[in-house]
Amino acid sequence: MIHWNGVFPALTTKFDADDQLDLTLFTVNLKAQLDAGVKGIILGGTLGEASTLTEFEKEILVKHTVSNVPDHIPVLLNIAEGSTREAMRQAALAKKWGAKGLMLLPPMRYKSDHRETVTYFKTIAASTDLPIMIYNNPVDYKIEVTLDMFDELTSVDNIQAIKESTRDVSNVTRLKNRFGDRFKILCGVDTLSMEEIVMGADGLVAGLVCAFPRETVVIFELIKQGRIQEALDIYRWFLPLLELDIHAKLVQYIKLAETAEGIGSEYVRAPRLTLIGDERTAILKVIADAISKRPQLPQL
């Protein structure tokens, strides 16, 4: 069982200079997340550079993470596949490796229609007993999971949560109005995180949490405690950093922030390349300016 509440970091995958998994550095970052109070861990998302990982590397990451988190912290594996058959196979492997849940995107590369999208989700869900969070990101992945689609998915017990990444903050209210608490809603866009929590989102699937776990968790908890002004003061400081999450190079930008915080490295896997020149200088300035003005965090 997964309690879909709180902050779920979508972790970056750490590589070394030889393009191999850096499990030592990954563990440093994982510990920082756990110490900050995150409620779950997501592997193999966009930030995790999933499209560049081999199946064996995914297995290593899942098993390593499961062995380094307490039992009450669920480890989820993202599934982003082009075929239903392969997605079902990945779901079975995730369970075999010890994952407690799945984050599931619509089909990759093919723009499925309403019937195809719903059938895709239902077929995968029927193949596993793992809890599932549907990742709804039409901006980047071109398929919107509509309210009418979710209506058809209400009968599927293990489809339990929605990563809300439409970039329309009103969609939280639409989902709550139509479905009540049937689906837990986790904001998936860093720059809308405070807005969507205030509107009733149950949690966050966050990106900049990879570099700033304490600030992310504190903002979430302050809002849930009704301490809106305290949360807002930190959130306004955080926003220039959060905007690094809504760029095509979010992986490089967030890894640079992790490096500045001493819990990551800049290494990415090709075709991505590490930042150079004016672009790197500009992103480093955003990060350094924020760190120099870092607010004192209140007690929760």
Protein backbone atom coordinates (compact mmCIF):
# COMPACT_ATOMS: atom_id res chain seq x y z
CA MET A 1 0.00 0.00 0.00
CA ILE A 2 1.23 3.47 -0.90
CA HIS A 3 0.20 6.62 0.94
CA TRP A 4 0.21 9.15 -1.88
CA ASN A 5 1.00 12.14 0.30
CA GLY A 6 4.05 14.32 0.65
CA VAL A 7 7.12 14.80 -1.51
CA PHE A 8 8.20 12.11 -3.98
CA PRO A 9 11.52 13.09 -5.62
CA ALA A 10 12.05 12.00 -9.21
CA LEU A 11 15.71 11.17 -8.69
CA THR A 12 18.45 11.79 -11.20
CA THR A 13 20.65 8.87 -12.18
CA LYS A 14 24.24 9.41 -11.15
CA PHE A 15 27.03 8.55 -13.60
CA ASP A 16 30.78 8.69 -13.25
CA ALA A 17 33.40 9.97 -15.70
CA ASP A 18 33.37 6.58 -17.47
CA ASP A 19 29.59 6.68 -18.02
CA GLN A 20 28.93 3.99 -15.43
CA LEU A 21 26.39 4.13 -12.64
CA ASP A 22 27.79 5.97 -9.62
CA LEU A 23 25.97 4.21 -6.81
CA THR A 24 28.12 5.84 -4.13
CA LEU A 25 27.06 9.34 -5.15
CA PHE A 26 23.49 8.17 -5.76
CA THR A 27 23.40 6.94 -2.16
CA VAL A 28 24.63 10.31 -0.87
CA ASN A 29 21.75 12.02 -2.61
CA LEU A 30 19.25 9.36 -1.53
CA LYS A 31 20.26 9.85 2.10
CA ALA A 32 19.77 13.61 1.77
CA GLN A 33 16.23 12.99 0.49
CA LEU A 34 15.39 10.62 3.32
CA ASP A 35 16.87 12.94 5.95
CA ALA A 36 14.69 15.76 4.62
CA GLY A 37 11.53 13.69 5.06
CA VAL A 38 10.44 12.63 1.59
CA LYS A 39 7.63 10.06 1.45
CA GLY A 40 8.59 8.04 -1.63
CA ILE A 41 11.26 7.64 -4.30
CA ILE A 42 10.71 7.60 -8.08
CA LEU A 43 13.29 6.09 -10.40
CA GLY A 44 13.60 6.12 -14.17
CA GLY A 45 11.67 9.27 -14.93
CA THR A 46 12.70 12.04 -17.30
CA LEU A 47 15.16 13.32 -14.72
CA GLY A 48 16.46 9.78 -14.31
CA GLU A 49 17.44 9.71 -18.01
CA ALA A 50 15.38 6.52 -18.34
CA SER A 51 15.54 6.41 -22.13
CA THR A 52 19.32 5.98 -21.94
CA LEU A 53 19.36 3.28 -19.24
CA THR A 54 19.72 -0.40 -19.97
CA GLU A 55 17.38 -2.89 -18.36
CA PHE A 56 20.25 -4.16 -16.23
CA GLU A 57 20.98 -0.63 -14.99
CA LYS A 58 17.33 -0.17 -14.05
CA GLU A 59 17.49 -3.42 -12.11
CA ILE A 60 20.60 -2.27 -10.27
CA LEU A 61 19.03 1.09 -9.41
CA VAL A 62 15.77 -0.38 -8.14
CA LYS A 63 17.42 -3.09 -6.05
CA HIS A 64 20.00 -0.69 -4.65
CA THR A 65 17.37 1.90 -3.72
CA VAL A 66 15.06 -0.67 -2.13
CA SER A 67 17.94 -1.92 0.00
CA ASN A 68 18.78 1.61 1.15
CA VAL A 69 15.37 2.94 2.16
CA PRO A 70 13.19 1.98 5.14
CA ASP A 71 10.21 -0.26 4.45
CA HIS A 72 7.68 2.55 4.79
CA ILE A 73 9.25 4.53 1.91
CA PRO A 74 7.90 3.14 -1.39
CA VAL A 75 10.19 2.92 -4.41
CA LEU A 76 8.42 3.48 -7.73
CA LEU A 77 9.70 2.74 -11.21
CA ASN A 78 8.59 4.87 -14.14
CA ILE A 79 7.33 3.02 -17.22
CA ALA A 80 7.57 4.88 -20.54
CA GLU A 81 7.29 2.39 -23.38
CA GLY A 82 6.10 2.29 -26.96
CA SER A 83 4.24 -1.01 -26.75
CA THR A 84 1.72 -2.42 -24.30
CA ARG A 85 3.54 -5.74 -24.25
CA GLU A 86 6.84 -4.15 -23.23
CA ALA A 87 5.17 -1.98 -20.61
CA MET A 88 3.61 -5.09 -19.06
CA ARG A 89 7.00 -6.78 -19.05
CA GLN A 90 8.59 -3.77 -17.35
CA ALA A 91 5.82 -3.78 -14.74
CA ALA A 92 6.53 -7.43 -13.95
CA LEU A 93 10.25 -6.74 -13.69
CA ALA A 94 9.66 -3.77 -11.39
CA LYS A 95 7.81 -5.99 -8.94
CA LYS A 96 10.46 -8.71 -9.21
CA TRP A 97 13.17 -6.17 -8.39
CA GLY A 98 11.31 -4.92 -5.31
CA ALA A 99 9.51 -1.77 -6.47
CA LYS A 100 6.34 -1.00 -4.52
CA GLY A 101 4.59 0.95 -7.29
CA LEU A 102 4.68 2.31 -10.82
CA MET A 103 4.52 5.68 -12.48
CA LEU A 104 2.97 5.11 -15.89
CA LEU A 105 3.06 7.34 -18.96
CA PRO A 106 0.79 6.96 -21.99
CA PRO A 107 2.34 5.18 -24.99
CA MET A 108 5.54 6.70 -26.29
CA ARG A 109 6.00 7.83 -29.90
CA TYR A 110 2.46 6.90 -31.00
CA LYS A 111 -0.26 9.48 -30.25
CA SER A 112 -3.01 7.18 -29.02
CA ASP A 113 -6.65 8.25 -29.04
CA HIS A 114 -9.12 8.07 -26.15
CA ARG A 115 -9.96 4.38 -26.51
CA GLU A 116 -6.37 3.34 -27.10
CA THR A 117 -5.04 5.33 -24.14
CA VAL A 118 -7.61 3.94 -21.71
CA THR A 119 -7.09 0.40 -23.00
CA TYR A 120 -3.33 0.79 -22.62
CA PHE A 121 -3.63 1.81 -18.98
CA LYS A 122 -6.25 -0.82 -18.16
CA THR A 123 -4.27 -3.63 -19.77
CA ILE A 124 -1.08 -2.80 -17.90
CA ALA A 125 -2.92 -2.33 -14.61
CA ALA A 126 -4.62 -5.71 -15.04
CA SER A 127 -1.23 -7.37 -15.46
CA THR A 128 0.09 -6.30 -12.03
CA ASP A 129 -1.06 -5.73 -8.48
CA LEU A 130 1.34 -2.83 -7.98
CA PRO A 131 -0.26 0.56 -7.25
CA ILE A 132 -0.08 2.91 -10.23
CA MET A 133 0.25 6.67 -10.63
CA ILE A 134 -0.73 7.93 -14.09
CA TYR A 135 1.67 10.58 -15.37
CA ASN A 136 -0.40 13.17 -17.24
CA ASN A 137 1.97 15.46 -19.14
CA PRO A 138 0.46 16.50 -22.49
CA VAL A 139 2.90 19.40 -22.86
CA ASP A 140 5.96 17.17 -23.19
CA TYR A 141 4.45 13.83 -24.23
CA LYS A 142 1.57 15.04 -26.46
CA ILE A 143 -1.21 12.86 -25.03
CA GLU A 144 -3.61 14.34 -22.50
CA VAL A 145 -5.28 11.98 -20.08
CA THR A 146 -8.64 13.72 -19.96
CA LEU A 147 -11.25 13.76 -17.22
CA ASP A 148 -13.38 11.42 -19.32
CA MET A 149 -10.48 8.99 -19.58
CA PHE A 150 -9.98 9.08 -15.82
CA ASP A 151 -13.70 8.46 -15.42
CA GLU A 152 -13.22 5.13 -17.23
CA LEU A 153 -10.22 4.34 -15.03
CA THR A 154 -12.07 4.75 -11.74
CA SER A 155 -13.04 1.07 -11.88
CA VAL A 156 -9.37 0.00 -11.86
CA ASP A 157 -8.49 -0.33 -8.19
CA ASN A 158 -4.71 -0.20 -8.52
CA ILE A 159 -4.77 3.02 -10.54
CA GLN A 160 -4.64 5.24 -7.49
CA ALA A 161 -2.88 8.52 -8.23
CA ILE A 162 -2.25 11.15 -10.88
CA LYS A 163 0.95 13.06 -11.51
CA GLU A 164 -0.69 16.31 -12.60
CA SER A 165 1.59 17.96 -15.16
CA THR A 166 -0.87 19.63 -17.53
CA ARG A 167 0.48 23.02 -16.36
CA ASP A 168 -3.12 24.09 -15.76
CA VAL A 169 -3.48 24.66 -12.03
CA SER A 170 -7.26 24.59 -12.38
CA ASN A 171 -7.06 20.91 -13.29
CA VAL A 172 -6.54 20.07 -9.62
CA THR A 173 -9.94 21.55 -8.86
CA ARG A 174 -11.54 19.84 -11.85
CA LEU A 175 -10.22 16.48 -10.69
CA LYS A 176 -11.34 17.07 -7.10
CA ASN A 177 -14.77 18.23 -8.20
CA ARG A 178 -15.32 15.21 -10.41
CA PHE A 179 -13.62 12.42 -8.49
CA GLY A 180 -13.34 13.60 -4.90
CA ASP A 181 -10.63 11.52 -3.24
CA ARG A 182 -10.83 8.61 -5.69
CA PHE A 183 -7.47 9.63 -7.16
CA LYS A 184 -4.67 11.19 -5.16
CA ILE A 185 -3.17 14.16 -6.99
CA LEU A 186 0.55 14.89 -7.00
CA CYS A 187 1.75 18.09 -8.62
CA GLY A 188 4.36 17.30 -11.27
CA VAL A 189 5.44 20.83 -12.24
CA ASP A 190 7.86 22.50 -9.84
CA THR A 191 6.79 26.05 -10.73
CA LEU A 192 3.17 25.28 -9.80
CA SER A 193 3.88 23.31 -6.66
CA MET A 194 2.69 25.82 -4.08
CA GLU A 195 -0.34 26.79 -6.14
CA GLU A 196 -1.46 23.18 -6.59
CA ILE A 197 -0.88 22.21 -2.94
CA VAL A 198 -3.03 25.17 -1.87
CA MET A 199 -5.71 23.97 -4.30
CA GLY A 200 -5.71 20.53 -2.71
CA ALA A 201 -2.94 18.46 -4.29
CA ASP A 202 -1.97 15.59 -2.00
CA GLY A 203 1.71 15.55 -2.85
CA LEU A 204 4.55 16.55 -5.16
CA VAL A 205 6.59 14.69 -7.71
CA ALA A 206 9.42 17.17 -7.59
CA GLY A 207 12.59 17.89 -9.57
CA LEU A 208 14.59 20.58 -7.72
CA VAL A 209 14.11 18.49 -4.60
CA CYS A 210 17.05 16.51 -5.99
CA ALA A 211 19.28 19.46 -5.08
CA PHE A 212 17.21 21.15 -2.36
CA PRO A 213 15.32 18.45 -0.47
CA ARG A 214 14.85 20.31 2.84
CA GLU A 215 13.38 23.43 1.25
CA THR A 216 10.98 21.37 -0.86
CA VAL A 217 9.70 19.33 2.07
CA VAL A 218 9.40 22.37 4.35
CA ILE A 219 7.31 24.30 1.82
CA PHE A 220 4.97 21.33 1.42
CA GLU A 221 4.57 20.80 5.15
CA LEU A 222 4.06 24.50 5.91
CA ILE A 223 1.24 24.72 3.38
CA LYS A 224 -0.44 21.62 4.76
CA GLN A 225 -0.20 23.17 8.25
CA GLY A 226 -1.87 26.34 6.98
CA ARG A 227 1.27 28.43 7.45
CA ILE A 228 0.85 30.02 4.03
CA GLN A 229 2.90 33.19 4.49
CA GLU A 230 5.90 31.28 5.80
CA ALA A 231 5.67 28.89 2.86
CA LEU A 232 5.26 31.76 0.41
CA ASP A 233 8.38 33.53 1.63
CA ILE A 234 10.47 30.42 0.92
CA TYR A 235 8.65 29.67 -2.33
CA ARG A 236 9.37 33.13 -3.72
CA TRP A 237 13.04 32.60 -2.98
CA PHE A 238 12.86 29.14 -4.58
CA LEU A 239 11.10 30.09 -7.82
CA PRO A 240 14.19 31.01 -9.92
CA LEU A 241 15.56 27.56 -9.10
CA LEU A 242 12.24 25.84 -9.76
CA GLU A 243 12.20 27.35 -13.24
CA LEU A 244 15.18 25.15 -14.08
CA ASP A 245 12.71 22.25 -14.07
CA ILE A 246 10.65 23.49 -17.03
CA HIS A 247 13.38 23.53 -19.66
CA ALA A 248 14.46 20.95 -22.22
CA LYS A 249 17.80 20.73 -20.38
CA LEU A 250 16.27 20.23 -16.96
CA VAL A 251 18.50 17.19 -16.39
CA GLN A 252 21.71 19.15 -16.92
CA TYR A 253 20.42 22.15 -14.96
CA ILE A 254 19.27 20.14 -11.97
CA LYS A 255 22.44 18.05 -11.96
CA LEU A 256 24.44 21.27 -11.87
CA ALA A 257 22.41 22.36 -8.84
CA GLU A 258 23.02 18.99 -7.17
CA THR A 259 26.73 19.45 -7.79
CA ALA A 260 26.68 22.92 -6.21
CA GLU A 261 25.01 21.37 -3.15
CA GLY A 262 27.56 18.55 -2.93
CA ILE A 263 25.03 15.77 -3.53
CA GLY A 264 25.49 15.12 -7.24
CA SER A 265 27.66 15.52 -10.30
CA GLU A 266 27.32 17.09 -13.73
CA TYR A 267 27.79 13.83 -15.65
CA VAL A 268 24.95 13.04 -18.06
CA ARG A 269 24.61 10.31 -20.64
CA ALA A 270 24.82 11.06 -24.36
CA PRO A 271 23.12 12.35 -26.39
CA ARG A 272 22.86 14.82 -23.51
CA LEU A 273 26.06 16.79 -22.98
CA THR A 274 27.25 18.68 -19.94
CA LEU A 275 26.82 22.42 -20.06
CA ILE A 276 29.57 24.68 -21.36
CA GLY A 277 30.26 28.32 -22.00
CA ASP A 278 27.74 31.09 -21.45
CA GLU A 279 24.89 28.68 -20.78
CA ARG A 280 26.74 26.98 -17.93
CA THR A 281 27.79 30.35 -16.52
CA ALA A 282 24.22 31.62 -16.59
CA ILE A 283 22.79 28.56 -14.83
CA LEU A 284 25.57 28.60 -12.23
CA LYS A 285 24.71 32.24 -11.52
CA VAL A 286 21.04 31.39 -10.91
CA ILE A 287 22.10 28.65 -8.51
CA ALA A 288 24.78 30.72 -6.74
CA ASP A 289 22.49 33.73 -6.34
CA ALA A 290 19.84 31.55 -4.71
CA ILE A 291 22.29 29.83 -2.39
CA SER A 292 23.70 33.19 -1.29
CA LYS A 293 20.21 34.31 -0.21
CA ARG A 294 19.08 31.00 1.23
CA PRO A 295 16.35 31.55 3.82
CA GLN A 296 16.40 30.23 7.35
CA LEU A 297 13.93 27.38 7.47
CA PRO A 298 11.31 27.44 10.26
CA GLN A 299 10.58 24.58 12.61
CA LEU A 300 7.75 22.32 11.52
